[in-house]
Amino acid sequence: MTALAYLPTPLAEAWSHVVDGSSTPRVALGNFLDDWRRLPDALQRAALIREPIPRAPDLERHRWDCFVAATVEYLTVRDRVETPDWVFWDAWTLERPWFLFPYWKLRAWQLVVTPPPWKRRRIFGGDEAALIGRV
């Protein structure tokens, strides 16, 4: 019996399932983060994010589009992988702030500790561990 080779899914392909409603943002993002961890080579990681993600048609999923762009920027800088141009498109910036923890007493904390890739997109949710876990 032969072992099947693991084939990571490019982020744009995985995200298209979020846009069409056949997957959830959390599942697609979690799968992407798992793929990122499994591929230690910078060229393999770059291949995962080469193509831009499709834009969701509604506000709730569009928030997640922006969140994913911030996540890709954060990971590429941290892991010294070339950041694709699509991550910096204006489309990936929210018009209104999105606080992941809506309780008003947590807003100051979120404003202070949220890393720059998310802040630039008006997404506030705390430090790296709160946003994407320990990747």
C-alpha atoms as a PDB file:
ATOM      1  CA  MET A   1       0.000   0.000   0.000  1.00  0.00           C
ATOM      2  CA  THR A   2       1.388   3.406  -0.929  1.00  0.00           C
ATOM      3  CA  ALA A   3       1.088   6.442   1.244  1.00  0.00           C
ATOM      4  CA  LEU A   4      -0.746   9.393  -0.197  1.00  0.00           C
ATOM      5  CA  ALA A   5       1.261  12.581  -0.438  1.00  0.00           C
ATOM      6  CA  TYR A   6      -0.180  15.596   1.340  1.00  0.00           C
ATOM      7  CA  LEU A   7      -1.316  18.312  -1.063  1.00  0.00           C
ATOM      8  CA  PRO A   8      -1.895  21.744   0.451  1.00  0.00           C
ATOM      9  CA  THR A   9      -4.708  23.874  -0.933  1.00  0.00           C
ATOM     10  CA  PRO A  10      -3.829  27.339  -2.241  1.00  0.00           C
ATOM     11  CA  LEU A  11      -5.532  30.017  -0.150  1.00  0.00           C
ATOM     12  CA  ALA A  12      -7.421  31.521  -3.125  1.00  0.00           C
ATOM     13  CA  GLU A  13      -8.986  28.144  -3.876  1.00  0.00           C
ATOM     14  CA  ALA A  14      -9.915  27.503  -0.251  1.00  0.00           C
ATOM     15  CA  TRP A  15     -11.318  31.016   0.121  1.00  0.00           C
ATOM     16  CA  SER A  16     -13.512  30.613  -2.964  1.00  0.00           C
ATOM     17  CA  HIS A  17     -15.482  28.047  -0.924  1.00  0.00           C
ATOM     18  CA  VAL A  18     -16.081  30.695   1.748  1.00  0.00           C
ATOM     19  CA  VAL A  19     -17.302  33.167  -0.862  1.00  0.00           C
ATOM     20  CA  ASP A  20     -19.704  30.641  -2.388  1.00  0.00           C
ATOM     21  CA  GLY A  21     -20.958  29.607   1.069  1.00  0.00           C
ATOM     22  CA  SER A  22     -19.780  25.977   0.974  1.00  0.00           C
ATOM     23  CA  SER A  23     -17.252  26.554   3.782  1.00  0.00           C
ATOM     24  CA  THR A  24     -16.915  28.872   6.748  1.00  0.00           C
ATOM     25  CA  PRO A  25     -14.190  31.480   7.227  1.00  0.00           C
ATOM     26  CA  ARG A  26     -12.913  29.762  10.377  1.00  0.00           C
ATOM     27  CA  VAL A  27     -12.556  26.387   8.649  1.00  0.00           C
ATOM     28  CA  ALA A  28     -10.797  27.826   5.587  1.00  0.00           C
ATOM     29  CA  LEU A  29      -8.495  29.972   7.720  1.00  0.00           C
ATOM     30  CA  GLY A  30      -7.705  27.049  10.027  1.00  0.00           C
ATOM     31  CA  ASN A  31      -6.895  24.807   7.076  1.00  0.00           C
ATOM     32  CA  PHE A  32      -4.655  27.505   5.609  1.00  0.00           C
ATOM     33  CA  LEU A  33      -2.808  27.913   8.911  1.00  0.00           C
ATOM     34  CA  ASP A  34      -2.320  24.140   9.084  1.00  0.00           C
ATOM     35  CA  ASP A  35      -0.925  24.139   5.548  1.00  0.00           C
ATOM     36  CA  TRP A  36       1.373  27.049   6.432  1.00  0.00           C
ATOM     37  CA  ARG A  37       2.759  25.095   9.401  1.00  0.00           C
ATOM     38  CA  ARG A  38       3.305  21.937   7.366  1.00  0.00           C
ATOM     39  CA  LEU A  39       5.316  23.709   4.677  1.00  0.00           C
ATOM     40  CA  PRO A  40       8.594  24.926   6.142  1.00  0.00           C
ATOM     41  CA  ASP A  41       9.982  25.988   2.764  1.00  0.00           C
ATOM     42  CA  ALA A  42       9.470  29.674   1.833  1.00  0.00           C
ATOM     43  CA  LEU A  43       8.834  28.845  -1.847  1.00  0.00           C
ATOM     44  CA  GLN A  44       6.108  26.355  -0.949  1.00  0.00           C
ATOM     45  CA  ARG A  45       4.513  28.860   1.400  1.00  0.00           C
ATOM     46  CA  ALA A  46       4.677  31.561  -1.271  1.00  0.00           C
ATOM     47  CA  ALA A  47       2.835  29.237  -3.661  1.00  0.00           C
ATOM     48  CA  LEU A  48      -0.041  28.990  -1.160  1.00  0.00           C
ATOM     49  CA  ILE A  49      -0.645  32.744  -1.281  1.00  0.00           C
ATOM     50  CA  ARG A  50       0.401  33.684  -4.823  1.00  0.00           C
ATOM     51  CA  GLU A  51      -3.119  34.252  -6.153  1.00  0.00           C
ATOM     52  CA  PRO A  52      -5.425  36.849  -4.568  1.00  0.00           C
ATOM     53  CA  ILE A  53      -8.415  35.657  -2.614  1.00  0.00           C
ATOM     54  CA  PRO A  54     -11.850  36.331  -4.130  1.00  0.00           C
ATOM     55  CA  ARG A  55     -13.937  39.046  -2.502  1.00  0.00           C
ATOM     56  CA  ALA A  56     -17.043  38.041  -0.595  1.00  0.00           C
ATOM     57  CA  PRO A  57     -20.317  39.699  -1.606  1.00  0.00           C
ATOM     58  CA  ASP A  58     -21.594  40.507   1.891  1.00  0.00           C
ATOM     59  CA  LEU A  59     -20.199  42.531   4.810  1.00  0.00           C
ATOM     60  CA  GLU A  60     -19.817  39.655   7.269  1.00  0.00           C
ATOM     61  CA  ARG A  61     -17.726  37.537   4.932  1.00  0.00           C
ATOM     62  CA  HIS A  62     -15.892  40.610   3.622  1.00  0.00           C
ATOM     63  CA  ARG A  63     -14.702  41.258   7.179  1.00  0.00           C
ATOM     64  CA  TRP A  64     -13.100  37.837   7.016  1.00  0.00           C
ATOM     65  CA  ASP A  65     -11.532  38.668   3.630  1.00  0.00           C
ATOM     66  CA  CYS A  66      -9.779  41.572   5.327  1.00  0.00           C
ATOM     67  CA  PHE A  67      -8.832  39.398   8.293  1.00  0.00           C
ATOM     68  CA  VAL A  68      -7.213  36.861   5.942  1.00  0.00           C
ATOM     69  CA  ALA A  69      -5.239  39.583   4.135  1.00  0.00           C
ATOM     70  CA  ALA A  70      -3.925  40.774   7.510  1.00  0.00           C
ATOM     71  CA  THR A  71      -3.054  37.219   8.504  1.00  0.00           C
ATOM     72  CA  VAL A  72      -1.121  36.648   5.284  1.00  0.00           C
ATOM     73  CA  GLU A  73       0.774  39.910   5.767  1.00  0.00           C
ATOM     74  CA  TYR A  74       1.597  39.003   9.372  1.00  0.00           C
ATOM     75  CA  LEU A  75       2.798  35.484   8.530  1.00  0.00           C
ATOM     76  CA  THR A  76       4.893  36.537   5.553  1.00  0.00           C
ATOM     77  CA  VAL A  77       6.703  39.232   7.502  1.00  0.00           C
ATOM     78  CA  ARG A  78       7.222  36.988  10.515  1.00  0.00           C
ATOM     79  CA  ASP A  79       8.436  34.017   8.459  1.00  0.00           C
ATOM     80  CA  ARG A  80      10.413  35.990   5.883  1.00  0.00           C
ATOM     81  CA  VAL A  81       8.306  35.013   2.889  1.00  0.00           C
ATOM     82  CA  GLU A  82       7.690  37.587   0.166  1.00  0.00           C
ATOM     83  CA  THR A  83       4.351  39.303   0.808  1.00  0.00           C
ATOM     84  CA  PRO A  84       2.130  39.228  -2.288  1.00  0.00           C
ATOM     85  CA  ASP A  85       0.921  42.589  -3.639  1.00  0.00           C
ATOM     86  CA  TRP A  86      -2.754  41.652  -3.385  1.00  0.00           C
ATOM     87  CA  VAL A  87      -2.550  41.771   0.418  1.00  0.00           C
ATOM     88  CA  PHE A  88      -2.179  45.572   0.270  1.00  0.00           C
ATOM     89  CA  TRP A  89      -5.157  46.270  -1.998  1.00  0.00           C
ATOM     90  CA  ASP A  90      -7.546  48.922  -0.680  1.00  0.00           C
ATOM     91  CA  ALA A  91     -10.372  46.375  -0.943  1.00  0.00           C
ATOM     92  CA  TRP A  92      -8.959  44.641   2.145  1.00  0.00           C
ATOM     93  CA  THR A  93      -9.574  47.603   4.457  1.00  0.00           C
ATOM     94  CA  LEU A  94     -12.875  47.890   6.287  1.00  0.00           C
ATOM     95  CA  GLU A  95     -14.836  51.132   6.217  1.00  0.00           C
ATOM     96  CA  ARG A  96     -15.828  50.762   9.880  1.00  0.00           C
ATOM     97  CA  PRO A  97     -13.811  49.200  12.714  1.00  0.00           C
ATOM     98  CA  TRP A  98     -14.486  45.577  13.606  1.00  0.00           C
ATOM     99  CA  PHE A  99     -13.882  44.652  17.234  1.00  0.00           C
ATOM    100  CA  LEU A 100     -13.657  40.878  17.570  1.00  0.00           C
ATOM    101  CA  PHE A 101     -14.451  41.142  21.266  1.00  0.00           C
ATOM    102  CA  PRO A 102     -17.464  43.492  21.273  1.00  0.00           C
ATOM    103  CA  TYR A 103     -17.594  44.046  25.039  1.00  0.00           C
ATOM    104  CA  TRP A 104     -16.836  47.766  25.400  1.00  0.00           C
ATOM    105  CA  LYS A 105     -14.418  47.317  28.322  1.00  0.00           C
ATOM    106  CA  LEU A 106     -12.075  45.325  26.053  1.00  0.00           C
ATOM    107  CA  ARG A 107     -11.856  47.978  23.345  1.00  0.00           C
ATOM    108  CA  ALA A 108      -8.879  49.865  24.804  1.00  0.00           C
ATOM    109  CA  TRP A 109      -6.928  46.603  25.157  1.00  0.00           C
ATOM    110  CA  GLN A 110      -7.753  45.635  21.565  1.00  0.00           C
ATOM    111  CA  LEU A 111      -6.746  49.060  20.249  1.00  0.00           C
ATOM    112  CA  VAL A 112      -3.373  48.870  21.993  1.00  0.00           C
ATOM    113  CA  VAL A 113      -2.237  45.285  21.444  1.00  0.00           C
ATOM    114  CA  THR A 114      -3.598  44.405  17.995  1.00  0.00           C
ATOM    115  CA  PRO A 115      -0.648  43.996  15.570  1.00  0.00           C
ATOM    116  CA  PRO A 116      -0.264  46.502  12.694  1.00  0.00           C
ATOM    117  CA  PRO A 117      -1.477  44.233   9.837  1.00  0.00           C
ATOM    118  CA  TRP A 118      -4.911  44.039  11.453  1.00  0.00           C
ATOM    119  CA  LYS A 119      -4.973  47.634  12.709  1.00  0.00           C
ATOM    120  CA  ARG A 120      -4.337  48.927   9.168  1.00  0.00           C
ATOM    121  CA  ARG A 121      -7.461  47.107   8.074  1.00  0.00           C
ATOM    122  CA  ARG A 122      -9.506  48.431  11.053  1.00  0.00           C
ATOM    123  CA  ILE A 123      -9.719  45.013  12.687  1.00  0.00           C
ATOM    124  CA  PHE A 124      -9.093  44.885  16.424  1.00  0.00           C
ATOM    125  CA  GLY A 125      -8.878  41.672  18.362  1.00  0.00           C
ATOM    126  CA  GLY A 126      -5.895  41.546  20.648  1.00  0.00           C
ATOM    127  CA  ASP A 127      -2.455  40.033  20.252  1.00  0.00           C
ATOM    128  CA  GLU A 128      -1.318  37.331  17.820  1.00  0.00           C
ATOM    129  CA  ALA A 129      -2.463  34.506  20.103  1.00  0.00           C
ATOM    130  CA  ALA A 130      -5.977  35.967  20.321  1.00  0.00           C
ATOM    131  CA  LEU A 131      -6.155  36.555  16.559  1.00  0.00           C
ATOM    132  CA  ILE A 132      -4.678  33.407  15.059  1.00  0.00           C
ATOM    133  CA  GLY A 133      -3.494  31.261  17.930  1.00  0.00           C
ATOM    134  CA  ARG A 134       0.021  29.997  18.292  1.00  0.00           C
ATOM    135  CA  VAL A 135       1.027  29.466  14.667  1.00  0.00           C
END
